[in-house]
Amino acid sequence: MAMNILFKNPTVPLDTLPTVADIPWTAVEFRYRNMVLLRNLFVSLILIPMGIGLFFIFQLVDQAGHAGEDFQRIARYLVGGGASLLIAYLLFQWYVMPFLEVPRMKYAVRLQDINYRRGVFSTKTTSAPFRRMQHAETNRGPLERMFDLASLSIFTAAGLALQIRGLSPETAETLRDHVLKKISEYQQLDANNDVEDSTGL
């Protein structure tokens, strides 16, 4: 029997839609900045000796080479300038960006999703709806345990959907339990809907 379906598609005024500004954001733990700085210090202690060693190797090769003096001088300028720019960039990323980036790392939990916002020069906001989630877990590496921190990873069928770093262990576990509870609720709801569809109710 043919059924007449009334389809309505009215325009929704943009000023009635919820905005990101309406979300009550929560910042990650401030000590996460110190953890990032210490991690970057460890990395720099490894890379700096390697860079110094490569510099001396280049000097030895340059002195043993048979190229002209003009070519050697140009090569030194190019290598020296490139190395200076690289060092300046790495120092900025390692020891300045954490002061700018960590205070802007924020998350929010709403009725239907979890949101994560970060970025300094450009802001990126990621929303993960509970209905699409399949698993959630907390992680604590050596540095995170040293600073009493944890991270929360949320997965969908497509893989890792969201990872929030710089949480306290208590907050990370609370969020994980909340996510797992919502996943269970939606799975039960979908199962009930499947039963109703199969019985024709």
Protein backbone atom coordinates (compact mmCIF):
# COMPACT_ATOMS: atom_id res chain seq x y z
CA MET A 1 0.00 0.00 0.00
CA ALA A 2 1.37 3.37 -1.00
CA MET A 3 2.10 5.76 1.81
CA ASN A 4 2.19 9.53 1.60
CA ILE A 5 5.20 10.85 3.48
CA LEU A 6 5.12 14.50 4.40
CA PHE A 7 8.63 15.86 3.90
CA LYS A 8 9.52 19.18 5.45
CA ASN A 9 12.84 20.96 5.10
CA PRO A 10 12.51 24.49 6.46
CA THR A 11 15.43 26.90 6.70
CA VAL A 12 17.13 27.08 10.09
CA PRO A 13 18.29 30.60 11.09
CA LEU A 14 22.03 30.61 11.71
CA ASP A 15 21.70 32.72 14.84
CA THR A 16 19.67 29.93 16.48
CA LEU A 17 22.42 27.33 16.07
CA PRO A 18 24.75 26.59 19.02
CA THR A 19 28.24 28.00 18.59
CA VAL A 20 31.65 26.96 19.84
CA ALA A 21 31.68 30.03 22.07
CA ASP A 22 28.75 28.54 24.01
CA ILE A 23 30.76 25.47 25.02
CA PRO A 24 32.19 25.60 28.59
CA TRP A 25 35.78 24.58 27.84
CA THR A 26 38.09 23.04 30.46
CA ALA A 27 41.86 23.51 30.13
CA VAL A 28 44.26 20.59 30.51
CA GLU A 29 46.54 20.45 33.53
CA PHE A 30 49.08 23.28 33.54
CA ARG A 31 51.92 20.97 34.56
CA TYR A 32 51.62 19.32 31.14
CA ARG A 33 53.65 22.28 29.87
CA ASN A 34 56.53 21.34 32.17
CA MET A 35 56.35 17.76 30.96
CA VAL A 36 56.57 18.87 27.34
CA LEU A 37 59.54 21.12 28.13
CA LEU A 38 61.38 18.28 29.86
CA ARG A 39 60.64 15.91 26.97
CA ASN A 40 61.96 18.45 24.48
CA LEU A 41 65.07 18.92 26.62
CA PHE A 42 65.79 15.19 26.41
CA VAL A 43 65.38 15.31 22.63
CA SER A 44 67.67 18.33 22.29
CA LEU A 45 70.36 16.65 24.42
CA ILE A 46 70.40 13.87 21.84
CA LEU A 47 70.21 15.97 18.69
CA ILE A 48 72.65 18.74 19.66
CA PRO A 49 75.70 16.44 19.97
CA MET A 50 74.72 14.82 16.69
CA GLY A 51 74.56 18.24 15.03
CA ILE A 52 77.95 19.25 16.45
CA GLY A 53 79.44 15.98 15.20
CA LEU A 54 78.05 16.54 11.70
CA PHE A 55 79.46 20.07 11.72
CA PHE A 56 82.98 18.86 12.47
CA ILE A 57 82.67 16.11 9.86
CA PHE A 58 81.66 18.73 7.32
CA GLN A 59 84.64 20.87 8.30
CA LEU A 60 87.04 17.96 7.84
CA VAL A 61 85.56 17.07 4.46
CA ASP A 62 85.67 20.72 3.44
CA GLN A 63 89.34 21.04 4.34
CA ALA A 64 90.26 17.81 2.57
CA GLY A 65 88.32 18.69 -0.58
CA HIS A 66 89.78 20.10 -3.77
CA ALA A 67 87.02 22.57 -4.57
CA GLY A 68 87.85 26.22 -5.09
CA GLU A 69 87.91 28.70 -2.24
CA ASP A 70 84.86 30.58 -3.58
CA PHE A 71 82.80 27.40 -3.68
CA GLN A 72 83.90 26.45 -0.19
CA ARG A 73 82.97 29.89 1.16
CA ILE A 74 79.52 29.80 -0.46
CA ALA A 75 78.93 26.27 0.82
CA ARG A 76 79.88 27.32 4.35
CA TYR A 77 77.48 30.28 4.20
CA LEU A 78 74.63 28.13 2.93
CA VAL A 79 75.17 25.37 5.44
CA GLY A 80 75.72 27.83 8.29
CA GLY A 81 72.63 29.85 7.40
CA GLY A 82 70.47 26.75 7.01
CA ALA A 83 71.72 25.34 10.30
CA SER A 84 71.05 28.65 12.08
CA LEU A 85 67.48 28.78 10.78
CA LEU A 86 66.89 25.17 11.74
CA ILE A 87 68.24 25.71 15.25
CA ALA A 88 66.12 28.85 15.71
CA TYR A 89 63.01 26.98 14.52
CA LEU A 90 63.65 24.01 16.81
CA LEU A 91 64.30 26.25 19.82
CA PHE A 92 61.05 28.09 19.16
CA GLN A 93 59.09 24.84 18.79
CA TRP A 94 60.70 23.20 21.82
CA TYR A 95 60.90 26.02 24.36
CA VAL A 96 58.46 28.76 23.28
CA MET A 97 55.49 26.93 21.77
CA PRO A 98 54.66 24.98 24.95
CA PHE A 99 54.04 28.29 26.75
CA LEU A 100 51.63 29.33 23.99
CA GLU A 101 50.07 26.00 23.10
CA VAL A 102 49.31 24.23 26.38
CA PRO A 103 47.02 26.99 27.80
CA ARG A 104 44.97 26.70 24.59
CA MET A 105 44.48 22.93 24.87
CA LYS A 106 40.92 22.55 26.14
CA TYR A 107 38.18 19.93 26.16
CA ALA A 108 34.46 19.82 26.80
CA VAL A 109 31.98 17.04 27.48
CA ARG A 110 28.42 17.49 26.26
CA LEU A 111 25.39 15.23 26.30
CA GLN A 112 26.11 13.70 22.90
CA ASP A 113 29.83 14.22 22.30
CA ILE A 114 33.31 15.12 23.52
CA ASN A 115 35.12 18.12 22.03
CA TYR A 116 38.82 18.94 21.95
CA ARG A 117 40.28 22.30 20.96
CA ARG A 118 43.93 23.27 20.44
CA GLY A 119 46.17 25.45 18.31
CA VAL A 120 48.05 28.72 18.51
CA PHE A 121 48.19 30.29 15.06
CA SER A 122 45.24 28.26 13.80
CA THR A 123 42.63 26.68 16.04
CA LYS A 124 41.45 23.11 15.44
CA THR A 125 38.33 21.78 17.12
CA THR A 126 37.49 18.08 17.00
CA SER A 127 34.14 16.63 18.05
CA ALA A 128 33.62 12.92 18.70
CA PRO A 129 29.97 11.80 19.10
CA PHE A 130 29.36 9.02 21.60
CA ARG A 131 27.22 7.10 19.12
CA ARG A 132 30.23 6.61 16.82
CA MET A 133 32.65 5.54 19.55
CA GLN A 134 33.68 1.93 20.03
CA HIS A 135 36.42 2.04 22.66
CA ALA A 136 38.23 4.35 25.07
CA GLU A 137 41.44 3.91 27.02
CA THR A 138 43.79 5.86 29.25
CA ASN A 139 47.57 5.92 28.82
CA ARG A 140 50.42 6.90 31.16
CA GLY A 141 53.97 6.95 29.86
CA PRO A 142 57.08 7.38 32.05
CA LEU A 143 57.05 11.17 31.82
CA GLU A 144 53.31 11.30 32.41
CA ARG A 145 53.71 9.23 35.57
CA MET A 146 56.52 11.54 36.68
CA PHE A 147 54.20 14.56 36.40
CA ASP A 148 51.08 12.69 37.59
CA LEU A 149 49.36 13.03 34.21
CA ALA A 150 47.47 10.79 31.81
CA SER A 151 45.98 10.89 28.34
CA LEU A 152 42.61 9.71 27.04
CA SER A 153 42.30 7.99 23.65
CA ILE A 154 38.92 7.49 21.99
CA PHE A 155 38.43 5.14 19.05
CA THR A 156 35.76 4.73 16.40
CA ALA A 157 35.47 2.10 13.67
CA ALA A 158 37.84 4.22 11.57
CA GLY A 159 40.55 4.28 14.25
CA LEU A 160 41.75 6.91 16.71
CA ALA A 161 39.20 9.72 16.74
CA LEU A 162 40.41 11.83 19.63
CA GLN A 163 43.31 11.98 22.06
CA ILE A 164 43.39 14.40 24.97
CA ARG A 165 46.76 14.77 26.68
CA GLY A 166 47.60 16.56 29.91
CA LEU A 167 44.75 15.21 32.05
CA SER A 168 45.01 14.25 35.67
CA PRO A 169 44.74 10.46 36.13
CA GLU A 170 41.45 10.88 37.99
CA THR A 171 39.95 13.01 35.22
CA ALA A 172 41.18 10.66 32.49
CA GLU A 173 39.66 7.64 34.24
CA THR A 174 36.39 9.47 34.90
CA LEU A 175 36.12 10.49 31.25
CA ARG A 176 37.00 6.97 30.10
CA ASP A 177 34.32 5.43 32.33
CA HIS A 178 31.78 7.98 31.10
CA VAL A 179 32.62 7.23 27.47
CA LEU A 180 32.38 3.46 28.02
CA LYS A 181 29.04 3.92 29.75
CA LYS A 182 27.69 5.98 26.85
CA ILE A 183 28.98 3.40 24.36
CA SER A 184 27.16 0.65 26.27
CA GLU A 185 23.96 2.71 26.35
CA TYR A 186 24.00 3.31 22.60
CA GLN A 187 24.81 -0.33 21.88
CA GLN A 188 21.86 -1.41 24.01
CA LEU A 189 19.63 1.13 22.28
CA ASP A 190 20.68 -0.11 18.85
CA ALA A 191 20.09 -3.71 19.94
CA ASN A 192 16.57 -2.85 21.12
CA ASN A 193 15.84 -1.08 17.86
CA ASP A 194 17.01 -4.12 15.91
CA VAL A 195 14.70 -6.35 17.93
CA GLU A 196 11.75 -4.03 17.31
CA ASP A 197 12.50 -3.92 13.59
CA SER A 198 12.74 -7.72 13.36
CA THR A 199 9.45 -8.25 15.22
CA GLY A 200 7.66 -5.49 13.34
CA LEU A 201 6.70 -3.61 16.49
